[in-house]
Amino acid sequence: GLAGDAIPLAGRMMAVADVYDALISRRVYKPALSHEDAIAIIVRERGKHFDPDVVDAFLAIQDEFQAIARRFSDAEAGAAHE
């Protein structure tokens, strides 16, 4: 039942990170979205579903998120071929 600033900062940050990961990941029920499409969805939900300050911080380092996602995606693909 918490809302706004009553939600711990770590929870607000994880909300953005978790949704980003879910959007860019392929699931049995949906294809993976591109980084750009995931960013657009997160920006659209800024101030609604996500803390605006957390989204702004995420946008400032979005390239790092993309690089990490690629690195782990490549690692998973490599492990699948072993």
PDB file of N, CA and C in Angstrom:
ATOM      1  N   GLY A   1       0.779  -1.198   0.000  1.00  0.00           N
ATOM      2  CA  GLY A   1       0.000   0.000   0.000  1.00  0.00           C
ATOM      3  C   GLY A   1       0.828   1.274   0.000  1.00  0.00           C
ATOM      4  N   LEU A   2       2.140   1.167  -0.166  1.00  0.00           N
ATOM      5  CA  LEU A   2       2.960   2.368  -0.183  1.00  0.00           C
ATOM      6  C   LEU A   2       2.881   3.044  -1.547  1.00  0.00           C
ATOM      7  N   ALA A   3       3.102   4.355  -1.549  1.00  0.00           N
ATOM      8  CA  ALA A   3       3.082   5.118  -2.796  1.00  0.00           C
ATOM      9  C   ALA A   3       4.085   6.258  -2.698  1.00  0.00           C
ATOM     10  N   GLY A   4       4.530   6.720  -3.856  1.00  0.00           N
ATOM     11  CA  GLY A   4       5.415   7.887  -3.913  1.00  0.00           C
ATOM     12  C   GLY A   4       6.687   7.698  -3.114  1.00  0.00           C
ATOM     13  N   ASP A   5       7.059   8.761  -2.388  1.00  0.00           N
ATOM     14  CA  ASP A   5       8.292   8.736  -1.611  1.00  0.00           C
ATOM     15  C   ASP A   5       8.237   7.770  -0.437  1.00  0.00           C
ATOM     16  N   ALA A   6       7.065   7.247  -0.099  1.00  0.00           N
ATOM     17  CA  ALA A   6       6.965   6.256   0.981  1.00  0.00           C
ATOM     18  C   ALA A   6       7.576   4.922   0.554  1.00  0.00           C
ATOM     19  N   ILE A   7       7.676   4.705  -0.751  1.00  0.00           N
ATOM     20  CA  ILE A   7       8.329   3.497  -1.265  1.00  0.00           C
ATOM     21  C   ILE A   7       9.834   3.707  -1.106  1.00  0.00           C
ATOM     22  N   PRO A   8      10.532   2.767  -0.492  1.00  0.00           N
ATOM     23  CA  PRO A   8      11.983   2.932  -0.340  1.00  0.00           C
ATOM     24  C   PRO A   8      12.655   3.155  -1.705  1.00  0.00           C
ATOM     25  N   LEU A   9      13.687   3.993  -1.701  1.00  0.00           N
ATOM     26  CA  LEU A   9      14.394   4.331  -2.933  1.00  0.00           C
ATOM     27  C   LEU A   9      14.867   3.070  -3.662  1.00  0.00           C
ATOM     28  N   ALA A  10      15.377   2.097  -2.928  1.00  0.00           N
ATOM     29  CA  ALA A  10      15.842   0.864  -3.564  1.00  0.00           C
ATOM     30  C   ALA A  10      14.706   0.190  -4.329  1.00  0.00           C
ATOM     31  N   GLY A  11      13.514   0.215  -3.791  1.00  0.00           N
ATOM     32  CA  GLY A  11      12.361  -0.375  -4.469  1.00  0.00           C
ATOM     33  C   GLY A  11      11.992   0.391  -5.719  1.00  0.00           C
ATOM     34  N   ARG A  12      12.063   1.710  -5.663  1.00  0.00           N
ATOM     35  CA  ARG A  12      11.753   2.524  -6.850  1.00  0.00           C
ATOM     36  C   ARG A  12      12.783   2.302  -7.947  1.00  0.00           C
ATOM     37  N   MET A  13      14.031   2.114  -7.546  1.00  0.00           N
ATOM     38  CA  MET A  13      15.086   1.850  -8.523  1.00  0.00           C
ATOM     39  C   MET A  13      14.914   0.465  -9.140  1.00  0.00           C
ATOM     40  N   MET A  14      14.623  -0.515  -8.321  1.00  0.00           N
ATOM     41  CA  MET A  14      14.449  -1.881  -8.818  1.00  0.00           C
ATOM     42  C   MET A  14      13.244  -1.981  -9.739  1.00  0.00           C
ATOM     43  N   ALA A  15      12.220  -1.173  -9.503  1.00  0.00           N
ATOM     44  CA  ALA A  15      11.043  -1.200 -10.377  1.00  0.00           C
ATOM     45  C   ALA A  15      11.441  -0.871 -11.812  1.00  0.00           C
ATOM     46  N   VAL A  16      12.260   0.151 -11.985  1.00  0.00           N
ATOM     47  CA  VAL A  16      12.704   0.539 -13.326  1.00  0.00           C
ATOM     48  C   VAL A  16      13.615  -0.535 -13.914  1.00  0.00           C
ATOM     49  N   ALA A  17      14.580  -1.007 -13.131  1.00  0.00           N
ATOM     50  CA  ALA A  17      15.514  -2.022 -13.625  1.00  0.00           C
ATOM     51  C   ALA A  17      14.790  -3.310 -13.994  1.00  0.00           C
ATOM     52  N   ASP A  18      13.832  -3.722 -13.176  1.00  0.00           N
ATOM     53  CA  ASP A  18      13.100  -4.961 -13.427  1.00  0.00           C
ATOM     54  C   ASP A  18      12.244  -4.864 -14.685  1.00  0.00           C
ATOM     55  N   VAL A  19      11.574  -3.739 -14.861  1.00  0.00           N
ATOM     56  CA  VAL A  19      10.743  -3.571 -16.058  1.00  0.00           C
ATOM     57  C   VAL A  19      11.618  -3.501 -17.305  1.00  0.00           C
ATOM     58  N   TYR A  20      12.738  -2.801 -17.219  1.00  0.00           N
ATOM     59  CA  TYR A  20      13.654  -2.750 -18.366  1.00  0.00           C
ATOM     60  C   TYR A  20      14.072  -4.158 -18.762  1.00  0.00           C
ATOM     61  N   ASP A  21      14.504  -4.951 -17.781  1.00  0.00           N
ATOM     62  CA  ASP A  21      14.925  -6.318 -18.062  1.00  0.00           C
ATOM     63  C   ASP A  21      13.794  -7.146 -18.654  1.00  0.00           C
ATOM     64  N   ALA A  22      12.605  -7.012 -18.099  1.00  0.00           N
ATOM     65  CA  ALA A  22      11.458  -7.769 -18.607  1.00  0.00           C
ATOM     66  C   ALA A  22      11.128  -7.379 -20.049  1.00  0.00           C
ATOM     67  N   LEU A  23      11.231  -6.103 -20.353  1.00  0.00           N
ATOM     68  CA  LEU A  23      10.898  -5.634 -21.699  1.00  0.00           C
ATOM     69  C   LEU A  23      11.900  -6.106 -22.749  1.00  0.00           C
ATOM     70  N   ILE A  24      13.190  -6.115 -22.401  1.00  0.00           N
ATOM     71  CA  ILE A  24      14.198  -6.467 -23.399  1.00  0.00           C
ATOM     72  C   ILE A  24      14.451  -7.971 -23.473  1.00  0.00           C
ATOM     73  N   SER A  25      13.821  -8.732 -22.585  1.00  0.00           N
ATOM     74  CA  SER A  25      14.024 -10.176 -22.555  1.00  0.00           C
ATOM     75  C   SER A  25      12.911 -10.899 -23.292  1.00  0.00           C
ATOM     76  N   ARG A  26      13.312 -11.902 -24.073  1.00  0.00           N
ATOM     77  CA  ARG A  26      12.329 -12.748 -24.745  1.00  0.00           C
ATOM     78  C   ARG A  26      11.699 -13.665 -23.709  1.00  0.00           C
ATOM     79  N   ARG A  27      10.417 -13.817 -23.813  1.00  0.00           N
ATOM     80  CA  ARG A  27       9.674 -14.729 -22.941  1.00  0.00           C
ATOM     81  C   ARG A  27       8.851 -15.643 -23.845  1.00  0.00           C
ATOM     82  N   VAL A  28       8.361 -16.735 -23.310  1.00  0.00           N
ATOM     83  CA  VAL A  28       7.563 -17.645 -24.136  1.00  0.00           C
ATOM     84  C   VAL A  28       6.294 -16.966 -24.635  1.00  0.00           C
ATOM     85  N   TYR A  29       5.846 -15.944 -23.934  1.00  0.00           N
ATOM     86  CA  TYR A  29       4.600 -15.262 -24.293  1.00  0.00           C
ATOM     87  C   TYR A  29       4.809 -13.942 -25.034  1.00  0.00           C
ATOM     88  N   LYS A  30       6.084 -13.535 -25.259  1.00  0.00           N
ATOM     89  CA  LYS A  30       6.330 -12.277 -25.970  1.00  0.00           C
ATOM     90  C   LYS A  30       7.764 -12.228 -26.488  1.00  0.00           C
ATOM     91  N   PRO A  31       7.964 -11.517 -27.595  1.00  0.00           N
ATOM     92  CA  PRO A  31       9.331 -11.322 -28.083  1.00  0.00           C
ATOM     93  C   PRO A  31      10.037 -10.233 -27.266  1.00  0.00           C
ATOM     94  N   ALA A  32      11.335 -10.207 -27.346  1.00  0.00           N
ATOM     95  CA  ALA A  32      12.107  -9.152 -26.694  1.00  0.00           C
ATOM     96  C   ALA A  32      11.896  -7.839 -27.439  1.00  0.00           C
ATOM     97  N   LEU A  33      11.801  -6.760 -26.697  1.00  0.00           N
ATOM     98  CA  LEU A  33      11.740  -5.433 -27.308  1.00  0.00           C
ATOM     99  C   LEU A  33      13.156  -4.892 -27.453  1.00  0.00           C
ATOM    100  N   SER A  34      13.321  -3.954 -28.337  1.00  0.00           N
ATOM    101  CA  SER A  34      14.616  -3.289 -28.488  1.00  0.00           C
ATOM    102  C   SER A  34      14.853  -2.374 -27.285  1.00  0.00           C
ATOM    103  N   HIS A  35      16.109  -2.015 -27.110  1.00  0.00           N
ATOM    104  CA  HIS A  35      16.470  -1.064 -26.055  1.00  0.00           C
ATOM    105  C   HIS A  35      15.663   0.223 -26.217  1.00  0.00           C
ATOM    106  N   GLU A  36      15.578   0.703 -27.454  1.00  0.00           N
ATOM    107  CA  GLU A  36      14.876   1.965 -27.717  1.00  0.00           C
ATOM    108  C   GLU A  36      13.385   1.867 -27.366  1.00  0.00           C
ATOM    109  N   ASP A  37      12.762   0.752 -27.699  1.00  0.00           N
ATOM    110  CA  ASP A  37      11.343   0.578 -27.366  1.00  0.00           C
ATOM    111  C   ASP A  37      11.141   0.486 -25.855  1.00  0.00           C
ATOM    112  N   ALA A  38      12.046  -0.200 -25.174  1.00  0.00           N
ATOM    113  CA  ALA A  38      11.950  -0.300 -23.714  1.00  0.00           C
ATOM    114  C   ALA A  38      12.098   1.073 -23.067  1.00  0.00           C
ATOM    115  N   ILE A  39      13.045   1.861 -23.563  1.00  0.00           N
ATOM    116  CA  ILE A  39      13.251   3.216 -23.036  1.00  0.00           C
ATOM    117  C   ILE A  39      11.989   4.047 -23.250  1.00  0.00           C
ATOM    118  N   ALA A  40      11.393   3.955 -24.421  1.00  0.00           N
ATOM    119  CA  ALA A  40      10.184   4.729 -24.719  1.00  0.00           C
ATOM    120  C   ALA A  40       9.057   4.380 -23.753  1.00  0.00           C
ATOM    121  N   ILE A  41       8.901   3.114 -23.433  1.00  0.00           N
ATOM    122  CA  ILE A  41       7.850   2.703 -22.497  1.00  0.00           C
ATOM    123  C   ILE A  41       8.134   3.247 -21.106  1.00  0.00           C
ATOM    124  N   ILE A  42       9.371   3.153 -20.666  1.00  0.00           N
ATOM    125  CA  ILE A  42       9.728   3.655 -19.337  1.00  0.00           C
ATOM    126  C   ILE A  42       9.515   5.159 -19.265  1.00  0.00           C
ATOM    127  N   VAL A  43       9.924   5.884 -20.297  1.00  0.00           N
ATOM    128  CA  VAL A  43       9.731   7.347 -20.321  1.00  0.00           C
ATOM    129  C   VAL A  43       8.241   7.688 -20.300  1.00  0.00           C
ATOM    130  N   ARG A  44       7.442   6.930 -21.040  1.00  0.00           N
ATOM    131  CA  ARG A  44       5.990   7.166 -21.067  1.00  0.00           C
ATOM    132  C   ARG A  44       5.370   6.989 -19.682  1.00  0.00           C
ATOM    133  N   GLU A  45       5.942   6.098 -18.866  1.00  0.00           N
ATOM    134  CA  GLU A  45       5.413   5.831 -17.524  1.00  0.00           C
ATOM    135  C   GLU A  45       6.068   6.688 -16.436  1.00  0.00           C
ATOM    136  N   ARG A  46       6.956   7.592 -16.838  1.00  0.00           N
ATOM    137  CA  ARG A  46       7.620   8.504 -15.899  1.00  0.00           C
ATOM    138  C   ARG A  46       6.567   9.361 -15.213  1.00  0.00           C
ATOM    139  N   GLY A  47       6.590   9.345 -13.897  1.00  0.00           N
ATOM    140  CA  GLY A  47       5.636  10.137 -13.132  1.00  0.00           C
ATOM    141  C   GLY A  47       4.305   9.436 -12.921  1.00  0.00           C
ATOM    142  N   LYS A  48       4.114   8.306 -13.564  1.00  0.00           N
ATOM    143  CA  LYS A  48       2.893   7.514 -13.379  1.00  0.00           C
ATOM    144  C   LYS A  48       3.260   6.249 -12.621  1.00  0.00           C
ATOM    145  N   HIS A  49       3.893   5.329 -13.324  1.00  0.00           N
ATOM    146  CA  HIS A  49       4.303   4.064 -12.727  1.00  0.00           C
ATOM    147  C   HIS A  49       5.682   4.179 -12.066  1.00  0.00           C
ATOM    148  N   PHE A  50       6.528   5.073 -12.587  1.00  0.00           N
ATOM    149  CA  PHE A  50       7.902   5.200 -12.107  1.00  0.00           C
ATOM    150  C   PHE A  50       8.183   6.581 -11.546  1.00  0.00           C
ATOM    151  N   ASP A  51       9.024   6.616 -10.527  1.00  0.00           N
ATOM    152  CA  ASP A  51       9.499   7.863  -9.919  1.00  0.00           C
ATOM    153  C   ASP A  51      10.240   8.662 -10.993  1.00  0.00           C
ATOM    154  N   PRO A  52       9.841   9.918 -11.228  1.00  0.00           N
ATOM    155  CA  PRO A  52      10.495  10.724 -12.272  1.00  0.00           C
ATOM    156  C   PRO A  52      11.999  10.876 -12.066  1.00  0.00           C
ATOM    157  N   ASP A  53      12.441  11.049 -10.824  1.00  0.00           N
ATOM    158  CA  ASP A  53      13.874  11.204 -10.565  1.00  0.00           C
ATOM    159  C   ASP A  53      14.643   9.923 -10.884  1.00  0.00           C
ATOM    160  N   VAL A  54      14.045   8.785 -10.587  1.00  0.00           N
ATOM    161  CA  VAL A  54      14.693   7.507 -10.880  1.00  0.00           C
ATOM    162  C   VAL A  54      14.764   7.294 -12.389  1.00  0.00           C
ATOM    163  N   VAL A  55      13.706   7.646 -13.105  1.00  0.00           N
ATOM    164  CA  VAL A  55      13.739   7.526 -14.560  1.00  0.00           C
ATOM    165  C   VAL A  55      14.814   8.442 -15.134  1.00  0.00           C
ATOM    166  N   ASP A  56      14.910   9.656 -14.640  1.00  0.00           N
ATOM    167  CA  ASP A  56      15.938  10.576 -15.132  1.00  0.00           C
ATOM    168  C   ASP A  56      17.342  10.016 -14.900  1.00  0.00           C
ATOM    169  N   ALA A  57      17.568   9.429 -13.719  1.00  0.00           N
ATOM    170  CA  ALA A  57      18.872   8.826 -13.425  1.00  0.00           C
ATOM    171  C   ALA A  57      19.117   7.626 -14.349  1.00  0.00           C
ATOM    172  N   PHE A  58      18.078   6.826 -14.570  1.00  0.00           N
ATOM    173  CA  PHE A  58      18.181   5.685 -15.480  1.00  0.00           C
ATOM    174  C   PHE A  58      18.554   6.150 -16.885  1.00  0.00           C
ATOM    175  N   LEU A  59      17.903   7.194 -17.360  1.00  0.00           N
ATOM    176  CA  LEU A  59      18.185   7.709 -18.707  1.00  0.00           C
ATOM    177  C   LEU A  59      19.630   8.191 -18.825  1.00  0.00           C
ATOM    178  N   ALA A  60      20.149   8.757 -17.739  1.00  0.00           N
ATOM    179  CA  ALA A  60      21.520   9.261 -17.760  1.00  0.00           C
ATOM    180  C   ALA A  60      22.541   8.134 -17.924  1.00  0.00           C
ATOM    181  N   ILE A  61      22.190   6.919 -17.487  1.00  0.00           N
ATOM    182  CA  ILE A  61      23.124   5.796 -17.577  1.00  0.00           C
ATOM    183  C   ILE A  61      22.565   4.646 -18.422  1.00  0.00           C
ATOM    184  N   GLN A  62      21.606   4.945 -19.266  1.00  0.00           N
ATOM    185  CA  GLN A  62      20.970   3.882 -20.051  1.00  0.00           C
ATOM    186  C   GLN A  62      21.952   3.103 -20.912  1.00  0.00           C
ATOM    187  N   ASP A  63      23.012   3.725 -21.377  1.00  0.00           N
ATOM    188  CA  ASP A  63      24.007   3.014 -22.181  1.00  0.00           C
ATOM    189  C   ASP A  63      24.677   1.902 -21.377  1.00  0.00           C
ATOM    190  N   GLU A  64      24.861   2.145 -20.078  1.00  0.00           N
ATOM    191  CA  GLU A  64      25.447   1.118 -19.215  1.00  0.00           C
ATOM    192  C   GLU A  64      24.486  -0.056 -19.064  1.00  0.00           C
ATOM    193  N   PHE A  65      23.199   0.221 -18.919  1.00  0.00           N
ATOM    194  CA  PHE A  65      22.200  -0.850 -18.839  1.00  0.00           C
ATOM    195  C   PHE A  65      22.225  -1.678 -20.116  1.00  0.00           C
ATOM    196  N   GLN A  66      22.283  -1.003 -21.250  1.00  0.00           N
ATOM    197  CA  GLN A  66      22.296  -1.701 -22.533  1.00  0.00           C
ATOM    198  C   GLN A  66      23.550  -2.571 -22.659  1.00  0.00           C
ATOM    199  N   ALA A  67      24.690  -2.056 -22.245  1.00  0.00           N
ATOM    200  CA  ALA A  67      25.941  -2.816 -22.324  1.00  0.00           C
ATOM    201  C   ALA A  67      25.895  -4.049 -21.425  1.00  0.00           C
ATOM    202  N   ILE A  68      25.367  -3.896 -20.234  1.00  0.00           N
ATOM    203  CA  ILE A  68      25.246  -5.034 -19.311  1.00  0.00           C
ATOM    204  C   ILE A  68      24.294  -6.071 -19.891  1.00  0.00           C
ATOM    205  N   ALA A  69      23.179  -5.620 -20.426  1.00  0.00           N
ATOM    206  CA  ALA A  69      22.207  -6.549 -21.014  1.00  0.00           C
ATOM    207  C   ALA A  69      22.835  -7.314 -22.167  1.00  0.00           C
ATOM    208  N   ARG A  70      23.601  -6.631 -22.998  1.00  0.00           N
ATOM    209  CA  ARG A  70      24.261  -7.300 -24.119  1.00  0.00           C
ATOM    210  C   ARG A  70      25.285  -8.313 -23.634  1.00  0.00           C
ATOM    211  N   ARG A  71      26.052  -7.924 -22.621  1.00  0.00           N
ATOM    212  CA  ARG A  71      27.091  -8.814 -22.101  1.00  0.00           C
ATOM    213  C   ARG A  71      26.467 -10.104 -21.564  1.00  0.00           C
ATOM    214  N   PHE A  72      25.393  -9.989 -20.801  1.00  0.00           N
ATOM    215  CA  PHE A  72      24.767 -11.179 -20.247  1.00  0.00           C
ATOM    216  C   PHE A  72      24.009 -11.963 -21.304  1.00  0.00           C
ATOM    217  N   SER A  73      23.475 -11.283 -22.290  1.00  0.00           N
ATOM    218  CA  SER A  73      22.805 -11.970 -23.392  1.00  0.00           C
ATOM    219  C   SER A  73      23.819 -12.785 -24.181  1.00  0.00           C
ATOM    220  N   ASP A  74      24.983 -12.204 -24.435  1.00  0.00           N
ATOM    221  CA  ASP A  74      26.046 -12.909 -25.145  1.00  0.00           C
ATOM    222  C   ASP A  74      26.548 -14.100 -24.332  1.00  0.00           C
ATOM    223  N   ALA A  75      26.643 -13.941 -23.003  1.00  0.00           N
ATOM    224  CA  ALA A  75      27.104 -15.024 -22.140  1.00  0.00           C
ATOM    225  C   ALA A  75      26.115 -16.174 -22.156  1.00  0.00           C
ATOM    226  N   GLU A  76      24.818 -15.855 -22.153  1.00  0.00           N
ATOM    227  CA  GLU A  76      23.789 -16.890 -22.200  1.00  0.00           C
ATOM    228  C   GLU A  76      23.830 -17.618 -23.539  1.00  0.00           C
ATOM    229  N   ALA A  77      24.035 -16.871 -24.620  1.00  0.00           N
ATOM    230  CA  ALA A  77      24.091 -17.489 -25.942  1.00  0.00           C
ATOM    231  C   ALA A  77      25.297 -18.407 -26.037  1.00  0.00           C
ATOM    232  N   GLY A  78      26.425 -17.997 -25.464  1.00  0.00           N
ATOM    233  CA  GLY A  78      27.620 -18.823 -25.471  1.00  0.00           C
ATOM    234  C   GLY A  78      27.422 -20.090 -24.657  1.00  0.00           C
ATOM    235  N   ALA A  79      26.766 -19.979 -23.521  1.00  0.00           N
ATOM    236  CA  ALA A  79      26.529 -21.148 -22.669  1.00  0.00           C
ATOM    237  C   ALA A  79      25.574 -22.124 -23.354  1.00  0.00           C
ATOM    238  N   ALA A  80      24.665 -21.629 -24.147  1.00  0.00           N
ATOM    239  CA  ALA A  80      23.710 -22.489 -24.828  1.00  0.00           C
ATOM    240  C   ALA A  80      24.384 -23.323 -25.905  1.00  0.00           C
ATOM    241  N   HIS A  81      25.497 -22.822 -26.419  1.00  0.00           N
ATOM    242  CA  HIS A  81      26.204 -23.538 -27.486  1.00  0.00           C
ATOM    243  C   HIS A  81      27.227 -24.540 -26.944  1.00  0.00           C
ATOM    244  N   GLU A  82      27.454 -24.528 -25.649  1.00  0.00           N
ATOM    245  CA  GLU A  82      28.459 -25.438 -25.070  1.00  0.00           C
ATOM    246  C   GLU A  82      27.882 -26.810 -24.836  1.00  0.00           C
TER     247      GLU A  82
END
